[in-house]
């Protein structure tokens, strides 16, 4: 299960400002998207590109794989 951590909770995955964040090219020039980065412990860090200070959520690679497969299959199309 994903976990949410702020910078103040003793995150051992590396500080979010030290990660190499990626954002989708589909987000446009307004930055209306989420950002992802690979944390030092192998989990995938996710944050809101418009509210970076709101915290970071970490997912295992397996959790991200399941989500990406669901997105590619159209399981979340009704949310956009």
N, C-alpha and C. Protein backbone atom coordinates (compact mmCIF):
# COMPACT_ATOMS: atom_id res chain seq x y z
N UNK A 1 0.84 -1.17 0.00
CA UNK A 1 0.00 0.00 0.00
C UNK A 1 0.88 1.23 0.00
N UNK A 2 0.47 2.23 -0.73
CA UNK A 2 1.24 3.48 -0.84
C UNK A 2 1.30 4.18 0.50
N UNK A 3 2.35 4.91 0.69
CA UNK A 3 2.45 5.68 1.93
C UNK A 3 2.79 7.12 1.59
N UNK A 4 2.27 8.00 2.40
CA UNK A 4 2.50 9.43 2.23
C UNK A 4 3.50 9.88 3.26
N UNK A 5 4.48 10.62 2.81
CA UNK A 5 5.47 11.16 3.74
C UNK A 5 5.74 12.60 3.38
N UNK A 6 5.87 13.41 4.38
CA UNK A 6 6.32 14.78 4.14
C UNK A 6 7.82 14.82 4.42
N UNK A 7 8.43 15.92 4.13
CA UNK A 7 9.87 16.06 4.36
C UNK A 7 10.22 15.95 5.84
N UNK A 8 9.23 16.12 6.70
CA UNK A 8 9.50 16.18 8.14
C UNK A 8 9.30 14.85 8.85
N UNK A 9 9.04 13.78 8.13
CA UNK A 9 8.75 12.51 8.77
C UNK A 9 9.90 11.52 8.69
N UNK A 10 11.11 11.98 8.58
CA UNK A 10 12.26 11.10 8.58
C UNK A 10 12.33 10.19 7.37
N UNK A 11 12.02 10.68 6.22
CA UNK A 11 12.02 9.91 4.99
C UNK A 11 13.42 9.39 4.70
N UNK A 12 13.56 8.09 4.55
CA UNK A 12 14.85 7.49 4.27
C UNK A 12 15.05 7.22 2.78
N UNK A 13 14.13 7.69 1.93
CA UNK A 13 14.22 7.44 0.49
C UNK A 13 15.02 8.51 -0.22
N UNK A 14 15.48 9.48 0.48
CA UNK A 14 16.14 10.63 -0.14
C UNK A 14 15.18 11.80 -0.14
N UNK A 15 15.70 12.98 0.09
CA UNK A 15 14.85 14.16 0.11
C UNK A 15 14.25 14.37 -1.26
N UNK A 16 12.99 14.79 -1.30
CA UNK A 16 12.31 14.94 -2.58
C UNK A 16 12.97 15.98 -3.46
N UNK A 17 13.62 16.98 -2.87
CA UNK A 17 14.29 17.99 -3.69
C UNK A 17 15.60 17.47 -4.28
N UNK A 18 16.05 16.30 -3.84
CA UNK A 18 17.27 15.70 -4.38
C UNK A 18 16.96 14.65 -5.45
N UNK A 19 15.70 14.32 -5.64
CA UNK A 19 15.32 13.31 -6.62
C UNK A 19 15.29 13.92 -8.02
N UNK A 20 15.42 13.08 -9.02
CA UNK A 20 15.34 13.53 -10.41
C UNK A 20 13.90 13.33 -10.88
N UNK A 21 13.11 14.39 -10.75
CA UNK A 21 11.68 14.33 -11.05
C UNK A 21 11.44 14.36 -12.55
N UNK A 22 10.41 13.61 -12.97
CA UNK A 22 9.98 13.60 -14.36
C UNK A 22 8.51 13.99 -14.42
N UNK A 23 8.16 14.69 -15.48
CA UNK A 23 6.78 15.11 -15.68
C UNK A 23 6.40 14.75 -17.11
N UNK A 24 5.17 14.38 -17.31
CA UNK A 24 4.70 13.98 -18.63
C UNK A 24 4.77 15.13 -19.63
N UNK A 25 5.14 14.82 -20.84
CA UNK A 25 5.12 15.82 -21.90
C UNK A 25 3.69 16.21 -22.25
N UNK A 26 2.72 15.42 -21.83
CA UNK A 26 1.31 15.73 -22.08
C UNK A 26 0.76 16.76 -21.10
N UNK A 27 1.53 17.16 -20.12
CA UNK A 27 1.04 18.11 -19.12
C UNK A 27 0.93 19.52 -19.66
N UNK A 28 1.54 19.81 -20.77
CA UNK A 28 1.46 21.15 -21.34
C UNK A 28 2.36 22.12 -20.60
N UNK A 29 2.25 23.38 -20.97
CA UNK A 29 3.11 24.39 -20.37
C UNK A 29 2.60 24.92 -19.04
N UNK A 30 1.45 24.43 -18.58
CA UNK A 30 0.90 24.89 -17.30
C UNK A 30 1.32 24.00 -16.13
N UNK A 31 2.00 22.89 -16.41
CA UNK A 31 2.44 22.01 -15.34
C UNK A 31 1.31 21.31 -14.62
N UNK A 32 0.20 21.12 -15.30
CA UNK A 32 -0.97 20.48 -14.68
C UNK A 32 -0.82 18.97 -14.73
N UNK A 33 0.03 18.45 -13.90
CA UNK A 33 0.31 17.03 -13.94
C UNK A 33 0.94 16.59 -12.62
N UNK A 34 1.21 15.32 -12.55
CA UNK A 34 1.97 14.80 -11.42
C UNK A 34 3.40 14.57 -11.87
N UNK A 35 4.30 14.55 -10.92
CA UNK A 35 5.70 14.29 -11.18
C UNK A 35 6.07 12.97 -10.52
N UNK A 36 6.96 12.24 -11.16
CA UNK A 36 7.42 10.97 -10.63
C UNK A 36 8.94 10.95 -10.58
N UNK A 37 9.48 10.22 -9.61
CA UNK A 37 10.93 10.06 -9.49
C UNK A 37 11.22 8.72 -8.84
N UNK A 38 12.36 8.16 -9.17
CA UNK A 38 12.79 6.92 -8.54
C UNK A 38 13.56 7.26 -7.27
N UNK A 39 13.06 6.80 -6.14
CA UNK A 39 13.70 7.07 -4.86
C UNK A 39 14.89 6.13 -4.67
N UNK A 40 15.78 6.48 -3.76
CA UNK A 40 16.98 5.69 -3.51
C UNK A 40 16.67 4.27 -3.06
N UNK A 41 15.53 4.07 -2.42
CA UNK A 41 15.18 2.73 -1.94
C UNK A 41 14.41 1.91 -2.97
N UNK A 42 14.28 2.43 -4.20
CA UNK A 42 13.64 1.69 -5.27
C UNK A 42 12.17 1.97 -5.47
N UNK A 43 11.55 2.69 -4.53
CA UNK A 43 10.14 3.03 -4.70
C UNK A 43 10.00 4.20 -5.66
N UNK A 44 8.77 4.39 -6.15
CA UNK A 44 8.47 5.49 -7.05
C UNK A 44 7.80 6.59 -6.25
N UNK A 45 8.39 7.78 -6.28
CA UNK A 45 7.85 8.94 -5.58
C UNK A 45 6.92 9.69 -6.52
N UNK A 46 5.78 10.14 -6.00
CA UNK A 46 4.79 10.87 -6.80
C UNK A 46 4.39 12.13 -6.03
N UNK A 47 4.29 13.24 -6.76
CA UNK A 47 3.84 14.48 -6.13
C UNK A 47 3.08 15.32 -7.16
N UNK A 48 2.31 16.26 -6.67
CA UNK A 48 1.53 17.17 -7.51
C UNK A 48 2.47 18.27 -8.01
N UNK A 49 2.54 18.45 -9.32
CA UNK A 49 3.46 19.45 -9.86
C UNK A 49 3.07 20.88 -9.51
N UNK A 50 1.81 21.12 -9.19
CA UNK A 50 1.37 22.46 -8.82
C UNK A 50 1.46 22.73 -7.32
N UNK A 51 1.61 21.69 -6.53
CA UNK A 51 1.67 21.82 -5.07
C UNK A 51 2.76 20.90 -4.53
N UNK A 52 3.96 21.13 -4.94
CA UNK A 52 5.09 20.26 -4.57
C UNK A 52 5.30 20.19 -3.07
N UNK A 53 4.97 21.23 -2.36
CA UNK A 53 5.17 21.26 -0.91
C UNK A 53 4.09 20.50 -0.15
N UNK A 54 3.10 19.98 -0.84
CA UNK A 54 2.00 19.25 -0.19
C UNK A 54 2.41 17.85 0.25
N UNK A 55 3.57 17.40 -0.17
CA UNK A 55 4.05 16.10 0.24
C UNK A 55 4.25 15.16 -0.94
N UNK A 56 4.84 14.04 -0.64
CA UNK A 56 5.19 13.04 -1.64
C UNK A 56 4.59 11.71 -1.22
N UNK A 57 4.05 10.99 -2.18
CA UNK A 57 3.52 9.65 -1.93
C UNK A 57 4.47 8.66 -2.59
N UNK A 58 4.78 7.56 -1.90
CA UNK A 58 5.71 6.56 -2.40
C UNK A 58 4.97 5.26 -2.69
N UNK A 59 5.25 4.69 -3.85
CA UNK A 59 4.67 3.42 -4.27
C UNK A 59 5.78 2.43 -4.58
N UNK A 60 5.52 1.15 -4.34
CA UNK A 60 6.48 0.14 -4.77
C UNK A 60 6.42 0.04 -6.28
N UNK A 61 7.43 -0.56 -6.87
CA UNK A 61 7.44 -0.75 -8.33
C UNK A 61 6.24 -1.60 -8.75
N UNK A 62 5.91 -2.59 -7.94
CA UNK A 62 4.76 -3.45 -8.25
C UNK A 62 3.45 -2.67 -8.23
N UNK A 63 3.29 -1.79 -7.26
CA UNK A 63 2.09 -0.95 -7.21
C UNK A 63 2.00 -0.04 -8.43
N UNK A 64 3.12 0.56 -8.81
CA UNK A 64 3.11 1.43 -9.98
C UNK A 64 2.83 0.65 -11.25
N UNK A 65 3.38 -0.55 -11.35
CA UNK A 65 3.12 -1.38 -12.53
C UNK A 65 1.63 -1.66 -12.66
N UNK A 66 0.98 -2.00 -11.56
CA UNK A 66 -0.46 -2.28 -11.59
C UNK A 66 -1.24 -1.04 -12.01
N UNK A 67 -0.86 0.12 -11.50
CA UNK A 67 -1.57 1.35 -11.84
C UNK A 67 -1.37 1.71 -13.31
N UNK A 68 -0.13 1.63 -13.80
CA UNK A 68 0.14 1.96 -15.19
C UNK A 68 -0.60 1.01 -16.12
N UNK A 69 -0.61 -0.25 -15.80
CA UNK A 69 -1.34 -1.22 -16.64
C UNK A 69 -2.83 -0.89 -16.66
N UNK A 70 -3.38 -0.52 -15.52
CA UNK A 70 -4.79 -0.13 -15.46
C UNK A 70 -5.06 1.13 -16.27
N UNK A 71 -4.13 2.10 -16.19
CA UNK A 71 -4.29 3.34 -16.95
C UNK A 71 -4.23 3.06 -18.45
N UNK A 72 -3.29 2.23 -18.86
CA UNK A 72 -3.18 1.88 -20.28
C UNK A 72 -4.42 1.13 -20.77
N UNK A 73 -5.05 0.39 -19.89
CA UNK A 73 -6.25 -0.37 -20.25
C UNK A 73 -7.51 0.49 -20.22
N UNK A 74 -7.38 1.75 -19.81
CA UNK A 74 -8.52 2.66 -19.80
C UNK A 74 -9.36 2.61 -18.54
N UNK A 75 -8.88 1.97 -17.49
CA UNK A 75 -9.65 1.80 -16.27
C UNK A 75 -9.93 3.11 -15.54
N UNK A 76 -9.20 4.16 -15.84
CA UNK A 76 -9.36 5.43 -15.13
C UNK A 76 -9.81 6.56 -16.05
N UNK A 77 -10.19 6.21 -17.27
CA UNK A 77 -10.57 7.22 -18.26
C UNK A 77 -11.72 8.11 -17.78
N UNK A 78 -12.61 7.57 -16.97
CA UNK A 78 -13.76 8.36 -16.50
C UNK A 78 -13.34 9.44 -15.51
N UNK A 79 -12.11 9.42 -15.03
CA UNK A 79 -11.64 10.41 -14.06
C UNK A 79 -11.00 11.63 -14.72
N UNK A 80 -10.87 11.61 -16.04
CA UNK A 80 -10.24 12.74 -16.72
C UNK A 80 -11.26 13.50 -17.55
